[in-house]
Amino acid sequence: MIDVPVSEFRANMNAILKLVKDGEIVSLLLRGEEIAKIVPPDYARIEARKALDKLSETATVGDVLSPIGEQWSEQQ
């Protein structure tokens, strides 16, 4: 990720947008404070896949609807 002041973004917008197209994440700064992020088109999908992959390391994945052959009893 690169940080770019808004003034620099205005002056070099085409070059910076090419970087984003090539996969770079750009953080726009106004007076040193982040005001926006410009991300590649597939960013949300890629981040969601990473989160699911991490979750699958600890989660049990499988059929949750089929009976497991265990008897259940009602407890009050």
Protein backbone atom coordinates (compact mmCIF):
# COMPACT_ATOMS: atom_id res chain seq x y z
CA MET A 1 0.00 0.00 0.00
CA ILE A 2 1.24 3.46 -0.82
CA ASP A 3 0.22 6.75 0.74
CA VAL A 4 -0.38 9.62 -1.67
CA PRO A 5 -1.30 13.19 -0.78
CA VAL A 6 -4.36 14.46 -2.68
CA SER A 7 -2.26 17.14 -4.41
CA GLU A 8 0.14 14.48 -5.74
CA PHE A 9 -2.81 12.32 -6.80
CA ARG A 10 -4.24 15.22 -8.81
CA ALA A 11 -0.90 15.80 -10.52
CA ASN A 12 -0.23 12.10 -11.28
CA MET A 13 -3.70 10.59 -11.44
CA ASN A 14 -3.17 8.49 -14.58
CA ALA A 15 0.06 6.92 -13.30
CA ILE A 16 -1.42 6.25 -9.85
CA LEU A 17 -4.57 4.69 -11.31
CA LYS A 18 -2.39 2.42 -13.44
CA LEU A 19 -0.68 1.25 -10.25
CA VAL A 20 -4.11 0.46 -8.78
CA LYS A 21 -5.10 -1.42 -11.93
CA ASP A 22 -1.90 -3.47 -11.52
CA GLY A 23 -2.90 -4.44 -7.97
CA GLU A 24 -1.54 -1.66 -5.74
CA ILE A 25 -3.68 -0.19 -2.95
CA VAL A 26 -3.46 3.59 -2.68
CA SER A 27 -4.34 5.54 0.45
CA LEU A 28 -5.25 9.17 -0.27
CA LEU A 29 -4.10 11.64 2.37
CA LEU A 30 -5.40 15.12 3.11
CA ARG A 31 -3.13 17.00 5.49
CA GLY A 32 -1.59 13.69 6.52
CA GLU A 33 -4.94 12.03 7.36
CA GLU A 34 -6.30 9.15 5.30
CA ILE A 35 -9.53 10.16 3.59
CA ALA A 36 -9.96 7.36 1.06
CA LYS A 37 -8.52 4.15 -0.32
CA ILE A 38 -8.41 3.25 -3.97
CA VAL A 39 -8.31 -0.51 -4.44
CA PRO A 40 -8.15 -2.84 -7.45
CA PRO A 41 -11.47 -4.10 -8.86
CA ASP A 42 -11.14 -7.62 -7.37
CA TYR A 43 -10.01 -6.41 -3.93
CA ALA A 44 -13.25 -7.23 -2.09
CA ARG A 45 -13.45 -10.73 -3.59
CA ILE A 46 -9.81 -11.48 -2.78
CA GLU A 47 -10.14 -10.23 0.80
CA ALA A 48 -13.34 -12.23 1.31
CA ARG A 49 -11.60 -15.38 0.05
CA LYS A 50 -8.70 -14.79 2.47
CA ALA A 51 -11.15 -14.39 5.36
CA LEU A 52 -12.98 -17.60 4.41
CA ASP A 53 -9.72 -19.51 4.08
CA LYS A 54 -8.66 -18.33 7.54
CA LEU A 55 -12.04 -19.27 9.00
CA SER A 56 -11.89 -22.73 7.43
CA GLU A 57 -8.72 -23.44 9.44
CA THR A 58 -10.76 -23.54 12.67
CA ALA A 59 -14.31 -24.21 11.47
CA THR A 60 -15.86 -27.59 10.82
CA VAL A 61 -16.90 -27.74 7.21
CA GLY A 62 -19.44 -30.28 6.09
CA ASP A 63 -23.07 -31.26 5.88
CA VAL A 64 -24.89 -29.74 8.85
CA LEU A 65 -28.36 -30.95 7.85
CA SER A 66 -27.95 -34.72 7.65
CA PRO A 67 -28.64 -36.82 10.76
CA ILE A 68 -25.54 -37.92 12.64
CA GLY A 69 -27.08 -41.03 14.15
CA GLU A 70 -26.96 -39.65 17.68
CA GLN A 71 -30.06 -39.81 19.90
CA TRP A 72 -31.18 -36.52 21.37
CA SER A 73 -33.17 -36.23 24.55
CA GLU A 74 -35.16 -33.27 25.77
CA GLN A 75 -33.81 -31.84 29.00
CA GLN A 76 -35.65 -29.34 31.12
